[in-house]
Amino acid sequence: MPHVIIEYTDDVIVSRQVRALIDAVFDAVVSVGLFNAENIKLRAIPIKHYRLGSDRQGFVHVQCRIHSGRSDVQKKALTTEILSAIKGLSLGVSVVTVEVIDMDAASYAKYSP
């Protein structure tokens, strides 16, 4: 835990930037100190079709899906650190958003052979 899902617009972010994005987000999650690096699961999903409410182009949206129990202060530290790491990449997108989502333990299942 956590599951970190990065959605990005593939018409603005080129493939060589995706690895840097993944690495920056991973390093940011590790740096907050809430999770062991070996337990972080991160994936990036390109978005081909989208529309923003303005004529601006491109976005990055990061979801951090974590087990419930972290404080609001811890969650804010996580979002702030991830946002800062992405801003440092100069990706050329119009907007970057980050959110933490508490996963309900009663509805989460895991299989790891």
PDB file of N, CA and C in Angstrom:
ATOM      1  N   MET A   1       0.852  -1.146   0.000  1.00  0.00           N
ATOM      2  CA  MET A   1       0.000   0.000   0.000  1.00  0.00           C
ATOM      3  C   MET A   1       0.905   1.218   0.000  1.00  0.00           C
ATOM      4  N   PRO A   2       0.692   2.253  -0.679  1.00  0.00           N
ATOM      5  CA  PRO A   2      -0.528   2.641  -1.371  1.00  0.00           C
ATOM      6  C   PRO A   2      -0.538   2.207  -2.839  1.00  0.00           C
ATOM      7  N   HIS A   3      -1.719   2.359  -3.448  1.00  0.00           N
ATOM      8  CA  HIS A   3      -1.842   2.254  -4.895  1.00  0.00           C
ATOM      9  C   HIS A   3      -1.865   3.681  -5.421  1.00  0.00           C
ATOM     10  N   VAL A   4      -0.903   4.016  -6.254  1.00  0.00           N
ATOM     11  CA  VAL A   4      -0.802   5.363  -6.809  1.00  0.00           C
ATOM     12  C   VAL A   4      -1.094   5.272  -8.303  1.00  0.00           C
ATOM     13  N   ILE A   5      -2.117   5.986  -8.730  1.00  0.00           N
ATOM     14  CA  ILE A   5      -2.562   5.937 -10.114  1.00  0.00           C
ATOM     15  C   ILE A   5      -2.384   7.325 -10.717  1.00  0.00           C
ATOM     16  N   ILE A   6      -1.545   7.396 -11.740  1.00  0.00           N
ATOM     17  CA  ILE A   6      -1.296   8.660 -12.434  1.00  0.00           C
ATOM     18  C   ILE A   6      -2.027   8.612 -13.767  1.00  0.00           C
ATOM     19  N   GLU A   7      -2.924   9.549 -13.967  1.00  0.00           N
ATOM     20  CA  GLU A   7      -3.549   9.727 -15.281  1.00  0.00           C
ATOM     21  C   GLU A   7      -2.914  10.961 -15.913  1.00  0.00           C
ATOM     22  N   TYR A   8      -2.555  10.853 -17.185  1.00  0.00           N
ATOM     23  CA  TYR A   8      -1.920  11.981 -17.867  1.00  0.00           C
ATOM     24  C   TYR A   8      -2.382  12.028 -19.318  1.00  0.00           C
ATOM     25  N   THR A   9      -2.437  13.222 -19.870  1.00  0.00           N
ATOM     26  CA  THR A   9      -2.859  13.378 -21.255  1.00  0.00           C
ATOM     27  C   THR A   9      -1.676  13.101 -22.173  1.00  0.00           C
ATOM     28  N   ASP A  10      -1.862  12.132 -23.046  1.00  0.00           N
ATOM     29  CA  ASP A  10      -0.740  11.694 -23.875  1.00  0.00           C
ATOM     30  C   ASP A  10      -0.476  12.589 -25.082  1.00  0.00           C
ATOM     31  N   ASP A  11      -1.296  13.605 -25.287  1.00  0.00           N
ATOM     32  CA  ASP A  11      -1.006  14.538 -26.376  1.00  0.00           C
ATOM     33  C   ASP A  11      -0.080  15.670 -25.934  1.00  0.00           C
ATOM     34  N   VAL A  12       0.115  15.821 -24.636  1.00  0.00           N
ATOM     35  CA  VAL A  12       0.991  16.867 -24.110  1.00  0.00           C
ATOM     36  C   VAL A  12       2.261  16.259 -23.516  1.00  0.00           C
ATOM     37  N   ILE A  13       2.107  15.196 -22.765  1.00  0.00           N
ATOM     38  CA  ILE A  13       3.255  14.529 -22.142  1.00  0.00           C
ATOM     39  C   ILE A  13       3.768  13.454 -23.089  1.00  0.00           C
ATOM     40  N   VAL A  14       5.006  13.577 -23.492  1.00  0.00           N
ATOM     41  CA  VAL A  14       5.607  12.609 -24.411  1.00  0.00           C
ATOM     42  C   VAL A  14       6.141  11.418 -23.632  1.00  0.00           C
ATOM     43  N   SER A  15       6.334  10.308 -24.334  1.00  0.00           N
ATOM     44  CA  SER A  15       6.676   9.048 -23.661  1.00  0.00           C
ATOM     45  C   SER A  15       7.950   9.140 -22.830  1.00  0.00           C
ATOM     46  N   ARG A  16       8.935   9.899 -23.257  1.00  0.00           N
ATOM     47  CA  ARG A  16      10.173  10.001 -22.474  1.00  0.00           C
ATOM     48  C   ARG A  16       9.963  10.723 -21.152  1.00  0.00           C
ATOM     49  N   GLN A  17       8.898  11.507 -21.043  1.00  0.00           N
ATOM     50  CA  GLN A  17       8.598  12.205 -19.793  1.00  0.00           C
ATOM     51  C   GLN A  17       7.862  11.316 -18.789  1.00  0.00           C
ATOM     52  N   VAL A  18       7.252  10.246 -19.268  1.00  0.00           N
ATOM     53  CA  VAL A  18       6.438   9.400 -18.393  1.00  0.00           C
ATOM     54  C   VAL A  18       7.302   8.732 -17.327  1.00  0.00           C
ATOM     55  N   ARG A  19       8.462   8.224 -17.696  1.00  0.00           N
ATOM     56  CA  ARG A  19       9.354   7.586 -16.716  1.00  0.00           C
ATOM     57  C   ARG A  19       9.774   8.589 -15.650  1.00  0.00           C
ATOM     58  N   ALA A  20      10.087   9.801 -16.052  1.00  0.00           N
ATOM     59  CA  ALA A  20      10.465  10.836 -15.077  1.00  0.00           C
ATOM     60  C   ALA A  20       9.294  11.157 -14.156  1.00  0.00           C
ATOM     61  N   LEU A  21       8.089  11.192 -14.703  1.00  0.00           N
ATOM     62  CA  LEU A  21       6.886  11.435 -13.903  1.00  0.00           C
ATOM     63  C   LEU A  21       6.685  10.321 -12.881  1.00  0.00           C
ATOM     64  N   ILE A  22       6.770   9.090 -13.320  1.00  0.00           N
ATOM     65  CA  ILE A  22       6.612   7.940 -12.427  1.00  0.00           C
ATOM     66  C   ILE A  22       7.661   7.971 -11.314  1.00  0.00           C
ATOM     67  N   ASP A  23       8.901   8.193 -11.689  1.00  0.00           N
ATOM     68  CA  ASP A  23       9.986   8.207 -10.700  1.00  0.00           C
ATOM     69  C   ASP A  23       9.832   9.352  -9.703  1.00  0.00           C
ATOM     70  N   ALA A  24       9.432  10.525 -10.193  1.00  0.00           N
ATOM     71  CA  ALA A  24       9.262  11.677  -9.297  1.00  0.00           C
ATOM     72  C   ALA A  24       8.142  11.437  -8.295  1.00  0.00           C
ATOM     73  N   VAL A  25       7.037  10.873  -8.760  1.00  0.00           N
ATOM     74  CA  VAL A  25       5.921  10.596  -7.854  1.00  0.00           C
ATOM     75  C   VAL A  25       6.312   9.510  -6.853  1.00  0.00           C
ATOM     76  N   PHE A  26       6.964   8.467  -7.320  1.00  0.00           N
ATOM     77  CA  PHE A  26       7.409   7.399  -6.419  1.00  0.00           C
ATOM     78  C   PHE A  26       8.317   7.965  -5.328  1.00  0.00           C
ATOM     79  N   ASP A  27       9.311   8.744  -5.733  1.00  0.00           N
ATOM     80  CA  ASP A  27      10.249   9.324  -4.771  1.00  0.00           C
ATOM     81  C   ASP A  27       9.534  10.236  -3.776  1.00  0.00           C
ATOM     82  N   ALA A  28       8.529  10.978  -4.254  1.00  0.00           N
ATOM     83  CA  ALA A  28       7.774  11.857  -3.363  1.00  0.00           C
ATOM     84  C   ALA A  28       7.002  11.060  -2.325  1.00  0.00           C
ATOM     85  N   VAL A  29       6.377   9.964  -2.749  1.00  0.00           N
ATOM     86  CA  VAL A  29       5.621   9.125  -1.813  1.00  0.00           C
ATOM     87  C   VAL A  29       6.563   8.538  -0.764  1.00  0.00           C
ATOM     88  N   VAL A  30       7.711   8.072  -1.198  1.00  0.00           N
ATOM     89  CA  VAL A  30       8.693   7.519  -0.262  1.00  0.00           C
ATOM     90  C   VAL A  30       9.153   8.587   0.728  1.00  0.00           C
ATOM     91  N   SER A  31       9.393   9.798   0.238  1.00  0.00           N
ATOM     92  CA  SER A  31       9.985  10.843   1.074  1.00  0.00           C
ATOM     93  C   SER A  31       9.077  11.290   2.223  1.00  0.00           C
ATOM     94  N   VAL A  32       7.774  11.100   2.076  1.00  0.00           N
ATOM     95  CA  VAL A  32       6.849  11.491   3.143  1.00  0.00           C
ATOM     96  C   VAL A  32       7.015  10.588   4.360  1.00  0.00           C
ATOM     97  N   GLY A  33       7.464   9.349   4.140  1.00  0.00           N
ATOM     98  CA  GLY A  33       7.749   8.446   5.245  1.00  0.00           C
ATOM     99  C   GLY A  33       6.558   7.680   5.803  1.00  0.00           C
ATOM    100  N   LEU A  34       5.463   7.655   5.080  1.00  0.00           N
ATOM    101  CA  LEU A  34       4.276   6.933   5.555  1.00  0.00           C
ATOM    102  C   LEU A  34       4.248   5.471   5.104  1.00  0.00           C
ATOM    103  N   PHE A  35       5.038   5.125   4.094  1.00  0.00           N
ATOM    104  CA  PHE A  35       4.965   3.797   3.490  1.00  0.00           C
ATOM    105  C   PHE A  35       6.357   3.249   3.224  1.00  0.00           C
ATOM    106  N   ASN A  36       6.496   1.937   3.282  1.00  0.00           N
ATOM    107  CA  ASN A  36       7.730   1.283   2.872  1.00  0.00           C
ATOM    108  C   ASN A  36       7.784   1.266   1.347  1.00  0.00           C
ATOM    109  N   ALA A  37       8.942   1.577   0.795  1.00  0.00           N
ATOM    110  CA  ALA A  37       9.088   1.669  -0.658  1.00  0.00           C
ATOM    111  C   ALA A  37       8.650   0.386  -1.363  1.00  0.00           C
ATOM    112  N   GLU A  38       8.941  -0.756  -0.772  1.00  0.00           N
ATOM    113  CA  GLU A  38       8.601  -2.031  -1.432  1.00  0.00           C
ATOM    114  C   GLU A  38       7.097  -2.289  -1.476  1.00  0.00           C
ATOM    115  N   ASN A  39       6.317  -1.526  -0.736  1.00  0.00           N
ATOM    116  CA  ASN A  39       4.862  -1.711  -0.733  1.00  0.00           C
ATOM    117  C   ASN A  39       4.116  -0.731  -1.632  1.00  0.00           C
ATOM    118  N   ILE A  40       4.829   0.196  -2.232  1.00  0.00           N
ATOM    119  CA  ILE A  40       4.191   1.193  -3.092  1.00  0.00           C
ATOM    120  C   ILE A  40       3.942   0.585  -4.468  1.00  0.00           C
ATOM    121  N   LYS A  41       2.720   0.715  -4.933  1.00  0.00           N
ATOM    122  CA  LYS A  41       2.332   0.229  -6.261  1.00  0.00           C
ATOM    123  C   LYS A  41       1.923   1.433  -7.079  1.00  0.00           C
ATOM    124  N   LEU A  42       2.620   1.685  -8.166  1.00  0.00           N
ATOM    125  CA  LEU A  42       2.397   2.885  -8.944  1.00  0.00           C
ATOM    126  C   LEU A  42       2.203   2.520 -10.410  1.00  0.00           C
ATOM    127  N   ARG A  43       1.224   3.172 -11.044  1.00  0.00           N
ATOM    128  CA  ARG A  43       1.007   2.959 -12.472  1.00  0.00           C
ATOM    129  C   ARG A  43       0.594   4.264 -13.124  1.00  0.00           C
ATOM    130  N   ALA A  44       0.903   4.381 -14.396  1.00  0.00           N
ATOM    131  CA  ALA A  44       0.566   5.577 -15.167  1.00  0.00           C
ATOM    132  C   ALA A  44      -0.337   5.171 -16.323  1.00  0.00           C
ATOM    133  N   ILE A  45      -1.425   5.902 -16.464  1.00  0.00           N
ATOM    134  CA  ILE A  45      -2.427   5.583 -17.481  1.00  0.00           C
ATOM    135  C   ILE A  45      -2.556   6.784 -18.421  1.00  0.00           C
ATOM    136  N   PRO A  46      -2.228   6.587 -19.706  1.00  0.00           N
ATOM    137  CA  PRO A  46      -2.390   7.695 -20.648  1.00  0.00           C
ATOM    138  C   PRO A  46      -3.861   7.922 -20.978  1.00  0.00           C
ATOM    139  N   ILE A  47      -4.223   9.186 -21.088  1.00  0.00           N
ATOM    140  CA  ILE A  47      -5.577   9.567 -21.464  1.00  0.00           C
ATOM    141  C   ILE A  47      -5.506  10.183 -22.862  1.00  0.00           C
ATOM    142  N   LYS A  48      -6.164   9.548 -23.792  1.00  0.00           N
ATOM    143  CA  LYS A  48      -6.141  10.014 -25.175  1.00  0.00           C
ATOM    144  C   LYS A  48      -7.248  11.024 -25.453  1.00  0.00           C
ATOM    145  N   HIS A  49      -8.426  10.759 -24.961  1.00  0.00           N
ATOM    146  CA  HIS A  49      -9.582  11.605 -25.234  1.00  0.00           C
ATOM    147  C   HIS A  49     -10.002  12.307 -23.946  1.00  0.00           C
ATOM    148  N   TYR A  50     -10.092  13.616 -23.996  1.00  0.00           N
ATOM    149  CA  TYR A  50     -10.479  14.395 -22.824  1.00  0.00           C
ATOM    150  C   TYR A  50     -10.953  15.765 -23.273  1.00  0.00           C
ATOM    151  N   ARG A  51     -11.532  16.465 -22.369  1.00  0.00           N
ATOM    152  CA  ARG A  51     -11.908  17.860 -22.609  1.00  0.00           C
ATOM    153  C   ARG A  51     -11.791  18.612 -21.292  1.00  0.00           C
ATOM    154  N   LEU A  52     -11.089  19.711 -21.328  1.00  0.00           N
ATOM    155  CA  LEU A  52     -11.020  20.600 -20.184  1.00  0.00           C
ATOM    156  C   LEU A  52     -12.044  21.705 -20.389  1.00  0.00           C
ATOM    157  N   GLY A  53     -12.472  22.330 -19.327  1.00  0.00           N
ATOM    158  CA  GLY A  53     -13.502  23.351 -19.401  1.00  0.00           C
ATOM    159  C   GLY A  53     -13.062  24.620 -20.102  1.00  0.00           C
ATOM    160  N   SER A  54     -11.800  24.722 -20.441  1.00  0.00           N
ATOM    161  CA  SER A  54     -11.285  25.906 -21.125  1.00  0.00           C
ATOM    162  C   SER A  54     -10.509  25.446 -22.356  1.00  0.00           C
ATOM    163  N   ASP A  55      -9.854  26.369 -22.999  1.00  0.00           N
ATOM    164  CA  ASP A  55      -9.069  26.006 -24.178  1.00  0.00           C
ATOM    165  C   ASP A  55      -7.659  25.557 -23.806  1.00  0.00           C
ATOM    166  N   ARG A  56      -7.400  25.410 -22.521  1.00  0.00           N
ATOM    167  CA  ARG A  56      -6.084  24.972 -22.074  1.00  0.00           C
ATOM    168  C   ARG A  56      -5.898  23.489 -22.384  1.00  0.00           C
ATOM    169  N   GLN A  57      -4.672  23.057 -22.426  1.00  0.00           N
ATOM    170  CA  GLN A  57      -4.350  21.699 -22.833  1.00  0.00           C
ATOM    171  C   GLN A  57      -3.628  20.922 -21.743  1.00  0.00           C
ATOM    172  N   GLY A  58      -3.976  19.675 -21.612  1.00  0.00           N
ATOM    173  CA  GLY A  58      -3.216  18.733 -20.827  1.00  0.00           C
ATOM    174  C   GLY A  58      -3.419  18.794 -19.328  1.00  0.00           C
ATOM    175  N   PHE A  59      -3.349  17.604 -18.707  1.00  0.00           N
ATOM    176  CA  PHE A  59      -3.446  17.521 -17.258  1.00  0.00           C
ATOM    177  C   PHE A  59      -2.709  16.289 -16.754  1.00  0.00           C
ATOM    178  N   VAL A  60      -2.418  16.323 -15.478  1.00  0.00           N
ATOM    179  CA  VAL A  60      -1.964  15.158 -14.720  1.00  0.00           C
ATOM    180  C   VAL A  60      -2.865  15.085 -13.503  1.00  0.00           C
ATOM    181  N   HIS A  61      -3.398  13.901 -13.235  1.00  0.00           N
ATOM    182  CA  HIS A  61      -4.191  13.692 -12.020  1.00  0.00           C
ATOM    183  C   HIS A  61      -3.640  12.460 -11.316  1.00  0.00           C
ATOM    184  N   VAL A  62      -3.344  12.606 -10.037  1.00  0.00           N
ATOM    185  CA  VAL A  62      -2.776  11.511  -9.247  1.00  0.00           C
ATOM    186  C   VAL A  62      -3.754  11.142  -8.138  1.00  0.00           C
ATOM    187  N   GLN A  63      -4.064   9.862  -8.066  1.00  0.00           N
ATOM    188  CA  GLN A  63      -4.852   9.307  -6.960  1.00  0.00           C
ATOM    189  C   GLN A  63      -3.926   8.452  -6.104  1.00  0.00           C
ATOM    190  N   CYS A  64      -3.950   8.685  -4.811  1.00  0.00           N
ATOM    191  CA  CYS A  64      -3.238   7.830  -3.864  1.00  0.00           C
ATOM    192  C   CYS A  64      -4.299   7.093  -3.068  1.00  0.00           C
ATOM    193  N   ARG A  65      -4.469   5.838  -3.356  1.00  0.00           N
ATOM    194  CA  ARG A  65      -5.470   5.027  -2.670  1.00  0.00           C
ATOM    195  C   ARG A  65      -4.761   4.315  -1.520  1.00  0.00           C
ATOM    196  N   ILE A  66      -5.158   4.667  -0.293  1.00  0.00           N
ATOM    197  CA  ILE A  66      -4.480   4.152   0.895  1.00  0.00           C
ATOM    198  C   ILE A  66      -5.495   3.541   1.858  1.00  0.00           C
ATOM    199  N   HIS A  67      -4.998   2.661   2.726  1.00  0.00           N
ATOM    200  CA  HIS A  67      -5.857   2.150   3.795  1.00  0.00           C
ATOM    201  C   HIS A  67      -6.222   3.315   4.714  1.00  0.00           C
ATOM    202  N   SER A  68      -7.430   3.309   5.201  1.00  0.00           N
ATOM    203  CA  SER A  68      -7.870   4.384   6.085  1.00  0.00           C
ATOM    204  C   SER A  68      -7.057   4.357   7.380  1.00  0.00           C
ATOM    205  N   GLY A  69      -7.056   5.484   8.069  1.00  0.00           N
ATOM    206  CA  GLY A  69      -6.358   5.566   9.348  1.00  0.00           C
ATOM    207  C   GLY A  69      -5.299   6.651   9.403  1.00  0.00           C
ATOM    208  N   ARG A  70      -4.936   7.220   8.262  1.00  0.00           N
ATOM    209  CA  ARG A  70      -3.962   8.318   8.262  1.00  0.00           C
ATOM    210  C   ARG A  70      -4.668   9.620   8.633  1.00  0.00           C
ATOM    211  N   SER A  71      -3.949  10.494   9.277  1.00  0.00           N
ATOM    212  CA  SER A  71      -4.528  11.771   9.687  1.00  0.00           C
ATOM    213  C   SER A  71      -4.624  12.714   8.477  1.00  0.00           C
ATOM    214  N   ASP A  72      -5.424  13.753   8.638  1.00  0.00           N
ATOM    215  CA  ASP A  72      -5.534  14.772   7.592  1.00  0.00           C
ATOM    216  C   ASP A  72      -4.186  15.442   7.341  1.00  0.00           C
ATOM    217  N   VAL A  73      -3.411  15.629   8.377  1.00  0.00           N
ATOM    218  CA  VAL A  73      -2.084  16.235   8.245  1.00  0.00           C
ATOM    219  C   VAL A  73      -1.175  15.342   7.406  1.00  0.00           C
ATOM    220  N   GLN A  74      -1.206  14.044   7.649  1.00  0.00           N
ATOM    221  CA  GLN A  74      -0.409  13.101   6.862  1.00  0.00           C
ATOM    222  C   GLN A  74      -0.850  13.081   5.400  1.00  0.00           C
ATOM    223  N   LYS A  75      -2.146  13.091   5.170  1.00  0.00           N
ATOM    224  CA  LYS A  75      -2.662  13.095   3.799  1.00  0.00           C
ATOM    225  C   LYS A  75      -2.259  14.372   3.073  1.00  0.00           C
ATOM    226  N   LYS A  76      -2.344  15.502   3.756  1.00  0.00           N
ATOM    227  CA  LYS A  76      -1.954  16.780   3.155  1.00  0.00           C
ATOM    228  C   LYS A  76      -0.469  16.786   2.827  1.00  0.00           C
ATOM    229  N   ALA A  77       0.350  16.223   3.699  1.00  0.00           N
ATOM    230  CA  ALA A  77       1.788  16.143   3.434  1.00  0.00           C
ATOM    231  C   ALA A  77       2.048  15.314   2.177  1.00  0.00           C
ATOM    232  N   LEU A  78       1.300  14.233   2.014  1.00  0.00           N
ATOM    233  CA  LEU A  78       1.446  13.371   0.843  1.00  0.00           C
ATOM    234  C   LEU A  78       1.072  14.116  -0.434  1.00  0.00           C
ATOM    235  N   THR A  79      -0.079  14.770  -0.446  1.00  0.00           N
ATOM    236  CA  THR A  79      -0.497  15.487  -1.654  1.00  0.00           C
ATOM    237  C   THR A  79       0.444  16.655  -1.967  1.00  0.00           C
ATOM    238  N   THR A  80       0.882  17.353  -0.937  1.00  0.00           N
ATOM    239  CA  THR A  80       1.783  18.484  -1.142  1.00  0.00           C
ATOM    240  C   THR A  80       3.110  18.035  -1.737  1.00  0.00           C
ATOM    241  N   GLU A  81       3.647  16.947  -1.227  1.00  0.00           N
ATOM    242  CA  GLU A  81       4.936  16.447  -1.713  1.00  0.00           C
ATOM    243  C   GLU A  81       4.831  15.961  -3.157  1.00  0.00           C
ATOM    244  N   ILE A  82       3.769  15.248  -3.477  1.00  0.00           N
ATOM    245  CA  ILE A  82       3.579  14.772  -4.852  1.00  0.00           C
ATOM    246  C   ILE A  82       3.405  15.950  -5.800  1.00  0.00           C
ATOM    247  N   LEU A  83       2.579  16.903  -5.422  1.00  0.00           N
ATOM    248  CA  LEU A  83       2.346  18.070  -6.267  1.00  0.00           C
ATOM    249  C   LEU A  83       3.646  18.832  -6.519  1.00  0.00           C
ATOM    250  N   SER A  84       4.427  19.010  -5.490  1.00  0.00           N
ATOM    251  CA  SER A  84       5.709  19.705  -5.626  1.00  0.00           C
ATOM    252  C   SER A  84       6.640  18.963  -6.583  1.00  0.00           C
ATOM    253  N   ALA A  85       6.686  17.651  -6.472  1.00  0.00           N
ATOM    254  CA  ALA A  85       7.551  16.851  -7.345  1.00  0.00           C
ATOM    255  C   ALA A  85       7.131  16.971  -8.809  1.00  0.00           C
ATOM    256  N   ILE A  86       5.839  16.959  -9.060  1.00  0.00           N
ATOM    257  CA  ILE A  86       5.357  17.057 -10.446  1.00  0.00           C
ATOM    258  C   ILE A  86       5.599  18.460 -10.998  1.00  0.00           C
ATOM    259  N   LYS A  87       5.360  19.473 -10.185  1.00  0.00           N
ATOM    260  CA  LYS A  87       5.596  20.849 -10.639  1.00  0.00           C
ATOM    261  C   LYS A  87       7.053  21.044 -11.065  1.00  0.00           C
ATOM    262  N   GLY A  88       7.956  20.351 -10.416  1.00  0.00           N
ATOM    263  CA  GLY A  88       9.372  20.466 -10.741  1.00  0.00           C
ATOM    264  C   GLY A  88       9.766  19.856 -12.071  1.00  0.00           C
ATOM    265  N   LEU A  89       8.865  19.119 -12.697  1.00  0.00           N
ATOM    266  CA  LEU A  89       9.173  18.452 -13.963  1.00  0.00           C
ATOM    267  C   LEU A  89       8.927  19.325 -15.193  1.00  0.00           C
ATOM    268  N   SER A  90       8.185  20.402 -15.068  1.00  0.00           N
ATOM    269  CA  SER A  90       7.866  21.271 -16.209  1.00  0.00           C
ATOM    270  C   SER A  90       7.310  20.475 -17.387  1.00  0.00           C
ATOM    271  N   LEU A  91       6.192  19.826 -17.164  1.00  0.00           N
ATOM    272  CA  LEU A  91       5.595  18.951 -18.174  1.00  0.00           C
ATOM    273  C   LEU A  91       4.804  19.703 -19.249  1.00  0.00           C
ATOM    274  N   GLY A  92       4.456  20.949 -18.992  1.00  0.00           N
ATOM    275  CA  GLY A  92       3.722  21.711 -19.984  1.00  0.00           C
ATOM    276  C   GLY A  92       2.220  21.502 -19.963  1.00  0.00           C
ATOM    277  N   VAL A  93       1.709  20.877 -18.920  1.00  0.00           N
ATOM    278  CA  VAL A  93       0.264  20.688 -18.806  1.00  0.00           C
ATOM    279  C   VAL A  93      -0.370  21.906 -18.153  1.00  0.00           C
ATOM    280  N   SER A  94      -1.669  22.053 -18.360  1.00  0.00           N
ATOM    281  CA  SER A  94      -2.391  23.199 -17.810  1.00  0.00           C
ATOM    282  C   SER A  94      -2.734  23.040 -16.339  1.00  0.00           C
ATOM    283  N   VAL A  95      -2.922  21.792 -15.894  1.00  0.00           N
ATOM    284  CA  VAL A  95      -3.350  21.581 -14.519  1.00  0.00           C
ATOM    285  C   VAL A  95      -2.801  20.257 -13.989  1.00  0.00           C
ATOM    286  N   VAL A  96      -2.424  20.279 -12.708  1.00  0.00           N
ATOM    287  CA  VAL A  96      -1.996  19.075 -11.994  1.00  0.00           C
ATOM    288  C   VAL A  96      -2.833  18.987 -10.728  1.00  0.00           C
ATOM    289  N   THR A  97      -3.447  17.826 -10.505  1.00  0.00           N
ATOM    290  CA  THR A  97      -4.233  17.614  -9.292  1.00  0.00           C
ATOM    291  C   THR A  97      -3.784  16.325  -8.620  1.00  0.00           C
ATOM    292  N   VAL A  98      -3.909  16.322  -7.292  1.00  0.00           N
ATOM    293  CA  VAL A  98      -3.526  15.157  -6.492  1.00  0.00           C
ATOM    294  C   VAL A  98      -4.590  14.964  -5.423  1.00  0.00           C
ATOM    295  N   GLU A  99      -5.009  13.729  -5.223  1.00  0.00           N
ATOM    296  CA  GLU A  99      -5.966  13.434  -4.157  1.00  0.00           C
ATOM    297  C   GLU A  99      -5.597  12.140  -3.454  1.00  0.00           C
ATOM    298  N   VAL A 100      -5.941  12.085  -2.173  1.00  0.00           N
ATOM    299  CA  VAL A 100      -5.791  10.866  -1.385  1.00  0.00           C
ATOM    300  C   VAL A 100      -7.185  10.298  -1.159  1.00  0.00           C
ATOM    301  N   ILE A 101      -7.316   9.013  -1.407  1.00  0.00           N
ATOM    302  CA  ILE A 101      -8.600   8.331  -1.246  1.00  0.00           C
ATOM    303  C   ILE A 101      -8.415   7.213  -0.234  1.00  0.00           C
ATOM    304  N   ASP A 102      -9.210   7.246   0.839  1.00  0.00           N
ATOM    305  CA  ASP A 102      -9.190   6.175   1.827  1.00  0.00           C
ATOM    306  C   ASP A 102      -9.929   4.963   1.276  1.00  0.00           C
ATOM    307  N   MET A 103      -9.262   3.822   1.318  1.00  0.00           N
ATOM    308  CA  MET A 103      -9.884   2.576   0.883  1.00  0.00           C
ATOM    309  C   MET A 103     -10.579   1.934   2.085  1.00  0.00           C
ATOM    310  N   ASP A 104     -11.757   1.426   1.862  1.00  0.00           N
ATOM    311  CA  ASP A 104     -12.526   0.774   2.909  1.00  0.00           C
ATOM    312  C   ASP A 104     -11.981  -0.642   3.116  1.00  0.00           C
ATOM    313  N   ALA A 105     -11.447  -0.907   4.289  1.00  0.00           N
ATOM    314  CA  ALA A 105     -10.864  -2.217   4.587  1.00  0.00           C
ATOM    315  C   ALA A 105     -11.874  -3.356   4.426  1.00  0.00           C
ATOM    316  N   ALA A 106     -13.132  -3.077   4.680  1.00  0.00           N
ATOM    317  CA  ALA A 106     -14.159  -4.108   4.575  1.00  0.00           C
ATOM    318  C   ALA A 106     -14.413  -4.546   3.132  1.00  0.00           C
ATOM    319  N   SER A 107     -14.076  -3.685   2.178  1.00  0.00           N
ATOM    320  CA  SER A 107     -14.341  -4.017   0.776  1.00  0.00           C
ATOM    321  C   SER A 107     -13.070  -4.260  -0.026  1.00  0.00           C
ATOM    322  N   TYR A 108     -11.917  -4.268   0.622  1.00  0.00           N
ATOM    323  CA  TYR A 108     -10.633  -4.474  -0.070  1.00  0.00           C
ATOM    324  C   TYR A 108     -10.198  -5.917   0.113  1.00  0.00           C
ATOM    325  N   ALA A 109      -9.795  -6.538  -0.973  1.00  0.00           N
ATOM    326  CA  ALA A 109      -9.281  -7.908  -0.922  1.00  0.00           C
ATOM    327  C   ALA A 109      -7.947  -7.942  -1.680  1.00  0.00           C
ATOM    328  N   LYS A 110      -7.084  -8.859  -1.284  1.00  0.00           N
ATOM    329  CA  LYS A 110      -5.775  -8.958  -1.903  1.00  0.00           C
ATOM    330  C   LYS A 110      -5.385 -10.416  -2.049  1.00  0.00           C
ATOM    331  N   TYR A 111      -4.778 -10.744  -3.171  1.00  0.00           N
ATOM    332  CA  TYR A 111      -4.220 -12.073  -3.407  1.00  0.00           C
ATOM    333  C   TYR A 111      -2.777 -11.886  -3.861  1.00  0.00           C
ATOM    334  N   SER A 112      -1.840 -12.519  -3.201  1.00  0.00           N
ATOM    335  CA  SER A 112      -0.436 -12.395  -3.542  1.00  0.00           C
ATOM    336  C   SER A 112       0.230 -13.758  -3.400  1.00  0.00           C
ATOM    337  N   PRO A 113       0.287 -14.510  -4.494  1.00  0.00           N
ATOM    338  CA  PRO A 113       0.854 -15.876  -4.397  1.00  0.00           C
ATOM    339  C   PRO A 113       2.332 -15.884  -4.076  1.00  0.00           C
TER     340      PRO A 113
END
